[in-house]
Amino acid sequence: MFSSLGDKTIADYANENIEKLTFPVLSKLFKDENLLYQSFVEVLIQKFAVTLGADKTKDLAKLIVDQLVGQLSYEQTTVHSPVEPRVYSSLGELTGLLHKKVKHEISISVYSQETITTYFPPDTCRYAVVGIDTGTYGFDISSTQDGQTNTFSVAANLITVGEANQYTIDWATYAQTGEGVTLKQE
């Protein structure tokens, strides 16, 4: 399993402190790579304080994502201005932007470049957009479970400053019928 990493485990690399790097270097390394890989490395750094060399970090992220992709469950939300994206758990935890400040309260979630990714979502989430200017916004929410991805999209919805649109999605119903989306406007 770890043959491409010289038969070493994550713990081996962490204990050896090979070529320590900080997050800005990793950010530059992955800026043109798939957001899933970038997000996964960000989660490793945030949750486990793992610091590896550039080559080993990239190899490790690709190995882990490639092996988990069929079993990985995650939800990803991407907005197109002029809104702040937010994802709330049923416990009220928030990941996204709150008054222009980044929040990472939901376990194993990442906000980066107008995209929120929540790995192994804990329960039903609420997806919110809050207007920071008057105009139209676009909004894409996808849910990947057992290798199957379903995407809900909103295009050119009007919004004003301070207005909040909250979406809840019953993914099982949505996957079967295209229904199961609830919108609450405030």
C-alpha atoms as a PDB file:
ATOM      1  CA  MET A   1       0.000   0.000   0.000  1.00  0.00           C
ATOM      2  CA  PHE A   2       2.798   2.448   0.829  1.00  0.00           C
ATOM      3  CA  SER A   3       5.235   1.209  -1.835  1.00  0.00           C
ATOM      4  CA  SER A   4       5.106   4.529  -3.724  1.00  0.00           C
ATOM      5  CA  LEU A   5       6.132   6.239  -0.468  1.00  0.00           C
ATOM      6  CA  GLY A   6       9.146   3.979   0.127  1.00  0.00           C
ATOM      7  CA  ASP A   7       7.108   1.607   2.342  1.00  0.00           C
ATOM      8  CA  LYS A   8       6.832   4.282   5.041  1.00  0.00           C
ATOM      9  CA  THR A   9       3.667   5.216   6.894  1.00  0.00           C
ATOM     10  CA  ILE A  10       2.343   8.691   7.641  1.00  0.00           C
ATOM     11  CA  ALA A  11       3.710   8.315  11.174  1.00  0.00           C
ATOM     12  CA  ASP A  12       7.175   7.475   9.812  1.00  0.00           C
ATOM     13  CA  TYR A  13       7.291  10.684   7.802  1.00  0.00           C
ATOM     14  CA  ALA A  14       5.882  12.767  10.646  1.00  0.00           C
ATOM     15  CA  ASN A  15       8.416  11.334  13.116  1.00  0.00           C
ATOM     16  CA  GLU A  16      11.336  11.924  10.756  1.00  0.00           C
ATOM     17  CA  ASN A  17      10.245  15.533  10.059  1.00  0.00           C
ATOM     18  CA  ILE A  18      11.412  15.254   6.459  1.00  0.00           C
ATOM     19  CA  GLU A  19      11.859  18.613   4.703  1.00  0.00           C
ATOM     20  CA  LYS A  20       9.477  20.610   6.920  1.00  0.00           C
ATOM     21  CA  LEU A  21       7.202  22.984   5.040  1.00  0.00           C
ATOM     22  CA  THR A  22       4.610  25.522   6.065  1.00  0.00           C
ATOM     23  CA  PHE A  23       1.123  25.982   4.622  1.00  0.00           C
ATOM     24  CA  PRO A  24       1.987  28.833   2.202  1.00  0.00           C
ATOM     25  CA  VAL A  25       4.463  26.578   0.387  1.00  0.00           C
ATOM     26  CA  LEU A  26       1.864  23.806   0.125  1.00  0.00           C
ATOM     27  CA  SER A  27      -0.721  26.305  -1.099  1.00  0.00           C
ATOM     28  CA  LYS A  28       1.603  27.338  -3.941  1.00  0.00           C
ATOM     29  CA  LEU A  29       2.390  23.695  -4.718  1.00  0.00           C
ATOM     30  CA  PHE A  30      -1.270  22.771  -5.156  1.00  0.00           C
ATOM     31  CA  LYS A  31      -2.710  25.983  -6.622  1.00  0.00           C
ATOM     32  CA  ASP A  32      -3.186  24.409 -10.065  1.00  0.00           C
ATOM     33  CA  GLU A  33      -4.089  20.900  -8.840  1.00  0.00           C
ATOM     34  CA  ASN A  34      -7.545  19.455  -8.248  1.00  0.00           C
ATOM     35  CA  LEU A  35      -9.261  21.217  -5.314  1.00  0.00           C
ATOM     36  CA  LEU A  36      -9.966  17.836  -3.719  1.00  0.00           C
ATOM     37  CA  TYR A  37      -6.234  17.124  -3.355  1.00  0.00           C
ATOM     38  CA  GLN A  38      -5.562  20.641  -2.059  1.00  0.00           C
ATOM     39  CA  SER A  39      -8.410  20.406   0.438  1.00  0.00           C
ATOM     40  CA  PHE A  40      -7.285  17.001   1.643  1.00  0.00           C
ATOM     41  CA  VAL A  41      -3.764  18.277   2.335  1.00  0.00           C
ATOM     42  CA  GLU A  42      -5.216  21.340   4.123  1.00  0.00           C
ATOM     43  CA  VAL A  43      -7.234  18.998   6.350  1.00  0.00           C
ATOM     44  CA  LEU A  44      -4.134  16.920   7.099  1.00  0.00           C
ATOM     45  CA  ILE A  45      -2.267  20.045   8.126  1.00  0.00           C
ATOM     46  CA  GLN A  46      -5.158  21.569  10.131  1.00  0.00           C
ATOM     47  CA  LYS A  47      -6.186  18.431  11.990  1.00  0.00           C
ATOM     48  CA  PHE A  48      -2.960  16.517  12.365  1.00  0.00           C
ATOM     49  CA  ALA A  49      -0.220  19.155  12.071  1.00  0.00           C
ATOM     50  CA  VAL A  50       1.571  16.944   9.558  1.00  0.00           C
ATOM     51  CA  THR A  51       4.547  18.606   7.911  1.00  0.00           C
ATOM     52  CA  LEU A  52       6.232  16.750   5.060  1.00  0.00           C
ATOM     53  CA  GLY A  53       8.432  17.508   2.126  1.00  0.00           C
ATOM     54  CA  ALA A  54       6.846  18.829  -1.069  1.00  0.00           C
ATOM     55  CA  ASP A  55       7.287  15.633  -3.092  1.00  0.00           C
ATOM     56  CA  LYS A  56       6.206  13.338  -0.259  1.00  0.00           C
ATOM     57  CA  THR A  57       3.186  15.510   0.598  1.00  0.00           C
ATOM     58  CA  LYS A  58       1.952  15.490  -2.983  1.00  0.00           C
ATOM     59  CA  ASP A  59       2.537  11.723  -3.320  1.00  0.00           C
ATOM     60  CA  LEU A  60       0.802  11.059  -0.018  1.00  0.00           C
ATOM     61  CA  ALA A  61      -2.222  13.210  -0.847  1.00  0.00           C
ATOM     62  CA  LYS A  62      -2.668  11.557  -4.246  1.00  0.00           C
ATOM     63  CA  LEU A  63      -2.264   8.077  -2.780  1.00  0.00           C
ATOM     64  CA  ILE A  64      -4.824   8.700  -0.046  1.00  0.00           C
ATOM     65  CA  VAL A  65      -7.368  10.393  -2.302  1.00  0.00           C
ATOM     66  CA  ASP A  66      -6.995   7.759  -5.044  1.00  0.00           C
ATOM     67  CA  GLN A  67      -7.563   4.940  -2.549  1.00  0.00           C
ATOM     68  CA  LEU A  68     -10.491   6.641  -0.821  1.00  0.00           C
ATOM     69  CA  VAL A  69     -12.252   8.235  -3.773  1.00  0.00           C
ATOM     70  CA  GLY A  70     -14.700   5.360  -4.161  1.00  0.00           C
ATOM     71  CA  GLN A  71     -15.505   5.388  -0.451  1.00  0.00           C
ATOM     72  CA  LEU A  72     -15.079   9.070   0.246  1.00  0.00           C
ATOM     73  CA  SER A  73     -18.204  10.989   1.101  1.00  0.00           C
ATOM     74  CA  TYR A  74     -18.127  14.747   0.947  1.00  0.00           C
ATOM     75  CA  GLU A  75     -20.242  17.740   0.115  1.00  0.00           C
ATOM     76  CA  GLN A  76     -18.900  20.689  -1.802  1.00  0.00           C
ATOM     77  CA  THR A  77     -20.455  24.139  -2.120  1.00  0.00           C
ATOM     78  CA  THR A  78     -19.219  26.742  -4.583  1.00  0.00           C
ATOM     79  CA  VAL A  79     -20.657  30.234  -4.974  1.00  0.00           C
ATOM     80  CA  HIS A  80     -20.353  32.882  -7.627  1.00  0.00           C
ATOM     81  CA  SER A  81     -20.473  36.404  -6.114  1.00  0.00           C
ATOM     82  CA  PRO A  82     -21.844  38.691  -4.576  1.00  0.00           C
ATOM     83  CA  VAL A  83     -22.500  36.446  -1.560  1.00  0.00           C
ATOM     84  CA  GLU A  84     -20.806  34.888   1.455  1.00  0.00           C
ATOM     85  CA  PRO A  85     -21.135  31.083   1.398  1.00  0.00           C
ATOM     86  CA  ARG A  86     -21.942  29.248   4.637  1.00  0.00           C
ATOM     87  CA  VAL A  87     -22.594  25.655   5.603  1.00  0.00           C
ATOM     88  CA  TYR A  88     -24.230  24.905   8.961  1.00  0.00           C
ATOM     89  CA  SER A  89     -24.437  21.552  10.738  1.00  0.00           C
ATOM     90  CA  SER A  90     -27.555  20.661  12.753  1.00  0.00           C
ATOM     91  CA  LEU A  91     -25.552  21.687  15.839  1.00  0.00           C
ATOM     92  CA  GLY A  92     -25.157  25.220  14.475  1.00  0.00           C
ATOM     93  CA  GLU A  93     -21.471  24.774  13.584  1.00  0.00           C
ATOM     94  CA  LEU A  94     -20.414  26.965  10.667  1.00  0.00           C
ATOM     95  CA  THR A  95     -17.833  26.653   7.932  1.00  0.00           C
ATOM     96  CA  GLY A  96     -17.498  29.459   5.405  1.00  0.00           C
ATOM     97  CA  LEU A  97     -17.510  33.233   5.642  1.00  0.00           C
ATOM     98  CA  LEU A  98     -19.173  35.198   8.424  1.00  0.00           C
ATOM     99  CA  HIS A  99     -18.855  38.970   7.963  1.00  0.00           C
ATOM    100  CA  LYS A 100     -15.790  38.478   5.723  1.00  0.00           C
ATOM    101  CA  LYS A 101     -14.035  36.232   8.288  1.00  0.00           C
ATOM    102  CA  VAL A 102     -13.297  32.569   7.580  1.00  0.00           C
ATOM    103  CA  LYS A 103     -14.853  30.066  10.012  1.00  0.00           C
ATOM    104  CA  HIS A 104     -13.967  26.347  10.240  1.00  0.00           C
ATOM    105  CA  GLU A 105     -16.260  24.940  12.936  1.00  0.00           C
ATOM    106  CA  ILE A 106     -17.557  21.786  11.221  1.00  0.00           C
ATOM    107  CA  SER A 107     -15.220  18.852  11.753  1.00  0.00           C
ATOM    108  CA  ILE A 108     -13.068  18.001   8.727  1.00  0.00           C
ATOM    109  CA  SER A 109     -14.261  20.890   6.588  1.00  0.00           C
ATOM    110  CA  VAL A 110     -12.358  23.438   4.528  1.00  0.00           C
ATOM    111  CA  TYR A 111     -13.162  26.866   3.071  1.00  0.00           C
ATOM    112  CA  SER A 112     -10.970  27.931   0.157  1.00  0.00           C
ATOM    113  CA  GLN A 113     -11.565  30.271  -2.798  1.00  0.00           C
ATOM    114  CA  GLU A 114     -15.379  30.545  -2.518  1.00  0.00           C
ATOM    115  CA  THR A 115     -15.676  26.758  -2.049  1.00  0.00           C
ATOM    116  CA  ILE A 116     -16.601  24.858   1.107  1.00  0.00           C
ATOM    117  CA  THR A 117     -15.801  21.155   1.293  1.00  0.00           C
ATOM    118  CA  THR A 118     -17.097  19.013   4.164  1.00  0.00           C
ATOM    119  CA  TYR A 119     -15.634  15.511   4.324  1.00  0.00           C
ATOM    120  CA  PHE A 120     -17.767  12.790   5.867  1.00  0.00           C
ATOM    121  CA  PRO A 121     -20.606  15.243   6.604  1.00  0.00           C
ATOM    122  CA  PRO A 122     -21.935  14.557  10.099  1.00  0.00           C
ATOM    123  CA  ASP A 123     -25.629  14.984   9.288  1.00  0.00           C
ATOM    124  CA  THR A 124     -27.970  17.060   7.187  1.00  0.00           C
ATOM    125  CA  CYS A 125     -26.415  20.437   6.474  1.00  0.00           C
ATOM    126  CA  ARG A 126     -27.973  23.814   5.681  1.00  0.00           C
ATOM    127  CA  TYR A 127     -26.360  25.707   2.854  1.00  0.00           C
ATOM    128  CA  ALA A 128     -26.663  29.476   3.063  1.00  0.00           C
ATOM    129  CA  VAL A 129     -25.685  32.444   0.984  1.00  0.00           C
ATOM    130  CA  VAL A 130     -25.804  35.958   2.402  1.00  0.00           C
ATOM    131  CA  GLY A 131     -25.749  38.983   0.123  1.00  0.00           C
ATOM    132  CA  ILE A 132     -22.753  41.287   0.451  1.00  0.00           C
ATOM    133  CA  ASP A 133     -23.907  43.390  -2.522  1.00  0.00           C
ATOM    134  CA  THR A 134     -27.019  43.682  -4.652  1.00  0.00           C
ATOM    135  CA  GLY A 135     -26.929  41.512  -7.751  1.00  0.00           C
ATOM    136  CA  THR A 136     -27.251  37.941  -8.935  1.00  0.00           C
ATOM    137  CA  TYR A 137     -25.464  34.906  -7.595  1.00  0.00           C
ATOM    138  CA  GLY A 138     -24.812  31.373  -8.713  1.00  0.00           C
ATOM    139  CA  PHE A 139     -24.560  28.441  -6.345  1.00  0.00           C
ATOM    140  CA  ASP A 140     -23.515  24.805  -6.848  1.00  0.00           C
ATOM    141  CA  ILE A 141     -23.836  22.130  -4.163  1.00  0.00           C
ATOM    142  CA  SER A 142     -22.666  18.591  -4.795  1.00  0.00           C
ATOM    143  CA  SER A 143     -22.836  15.513  -2.629  1.00  0.00           C
ATOM    144  CA  THR A 144     -20.616  12.496  -3.270  1.00  0.00           C
ATOM    145  CA  GLN A 145     -21.525   9.235  -1.548  1.00  0.00           C
ATOM    146  CA  ASP A 146     -20.060   5.841  -2.487  1.00  0.00           C
ATOM    147  CA  GLY A 147     -18.542   7.255  -5.666  1.00  0.00           C
ATOM    148  CA  GLN A 148     -21.855   8.736  -6.903  1.00  0.00           C
ATOM    149  CA  THR A 149     -22.136  12.522  -7.230  1.00  0.00           C
ATOM    150  CA  ASN A 150     -25.357  14.542  -7.322  1.00  0.00           C
ATOM    151  CA  THR A 151     -25.269  18.280  -7.970  1.00  0.00           C
ATOM    152  CA  PHE A 152     -27.847  20.969  -7.275  1.00  0.00           C
ATOM    153  CA  SER A 153     -27.267  24.316  -9.004  1.00  0.00           C
ATOM    154  CA  VAL A 154     -28.812  27.754  -8.813  1.00  0.00           C
ATOM    155  CA  ALA A 155     -28.050  30.259 -11.570  1.00  0.00           C
ATOM    156  CA  ALA A 156     -28.698  33.997 -11.606  1.00  0.00           C
ATOM    157  CA  ASN A 157     -30.706  34.341  -8.386  1.00  0.00           C
ATOM    158  CA  LEU A 158     -31.293  37.941  -7.257  1.00  0.00           C
ATOM    159  CA  ILE A 159     -30.047  38.935  -3.801  1.00  0.00           C
ATOM    160  CA  THR A 160     -29.640  42.179  -1.826  1.00  0.00           C
ATOM    161  CA  VAL A 161     -27.218  43.221   0.899  1.00  0.00           C
ATOM    162  CA  GLY A 162     -27.919  41.268   4.094  1.00  0.00           C
ATOM    163  CA  GLU A 163     -30.489  38.977   2.488  1.00  0.00           C
ATOM    164  CA  ALA A 164     -29.992  35.287   3.338  1.00  0.00           C
ATOM    165  CA  ASN A 165     -31.105  32.312   1.277  1.00  0.00           C
ATOM    166  CA  GLN A 166     -30.875  28.952   3.068  1.00  0.00           C
ATOM    167  CA  TYR A 167     -31.140  25.637   1.272  1.00  0.00           C
ATOM    168  CA  THR A 168     -31.652  22.167   2.724  1.00  0.00           C
ATOM    169  CA  ILE A 169     -31.424  19.127   0.508  1.00  0.00           C
ATOM    170  CA  ASP A 170     -32.681  15.595   1.017  1.00  0.00           C
ATOM    171  CA  TRP A 171     -29.994  14.002  -1.158  1.00  0.00           C
ATOM    172  CA  ALA A 172     -31.710  10.588  -1.430  1.00  0.00           C
ATOM    173  CA  THR A 173     -34.922  12.194  -2.752  1.00  0.00           C
ATOM    174  CA  TYR A 174     -32.984  14.594  -4.976  1.00  0.00           C
ATOM    175  CA  ALA A 175     -30.979  11.726  -6.525  1.00  0.00           C
ATOM    176  CA  GLN A 176     -34.155   9.799  -7.362  1.00  0.00           C
ATOM    177  CA  THR A 177     -36.615  12.517  -8.390  1.00  0.00           C
ATOM    178  CA  GLY A 178     -34.779  15.838  -8.680  1.00  0.00           C
ATOM    179  CA  GLU A 179     -36.949  17.119  -5.798  1.00  0.00           C
ATOM    180  CA  GLY A 180     -36.184  17.417  -2.088  1.00  0.00           C
ATOM    181  CA  VAL A 181     -34.718  20.935  -2.047  1.00  0.00           C
ATOM    182  CA  THR A 182     -36.142  23.499   0.371  1.00  0.00           C
ATOM    183  CA  LEU A 183     -35.392  27.238   0.164  1.00  0.00           C
ATOM    184  CA  LYS A 184     -35.908  29.605   3.078  1.00  0.00           C
ATOM    185  CA  GLN A 185     -35.429  33.316   2.368  1.00  0.00           C
ATOM    186  CA  GLU A 186     -34.760  35.879   5.109  1.00  0.00           C
END
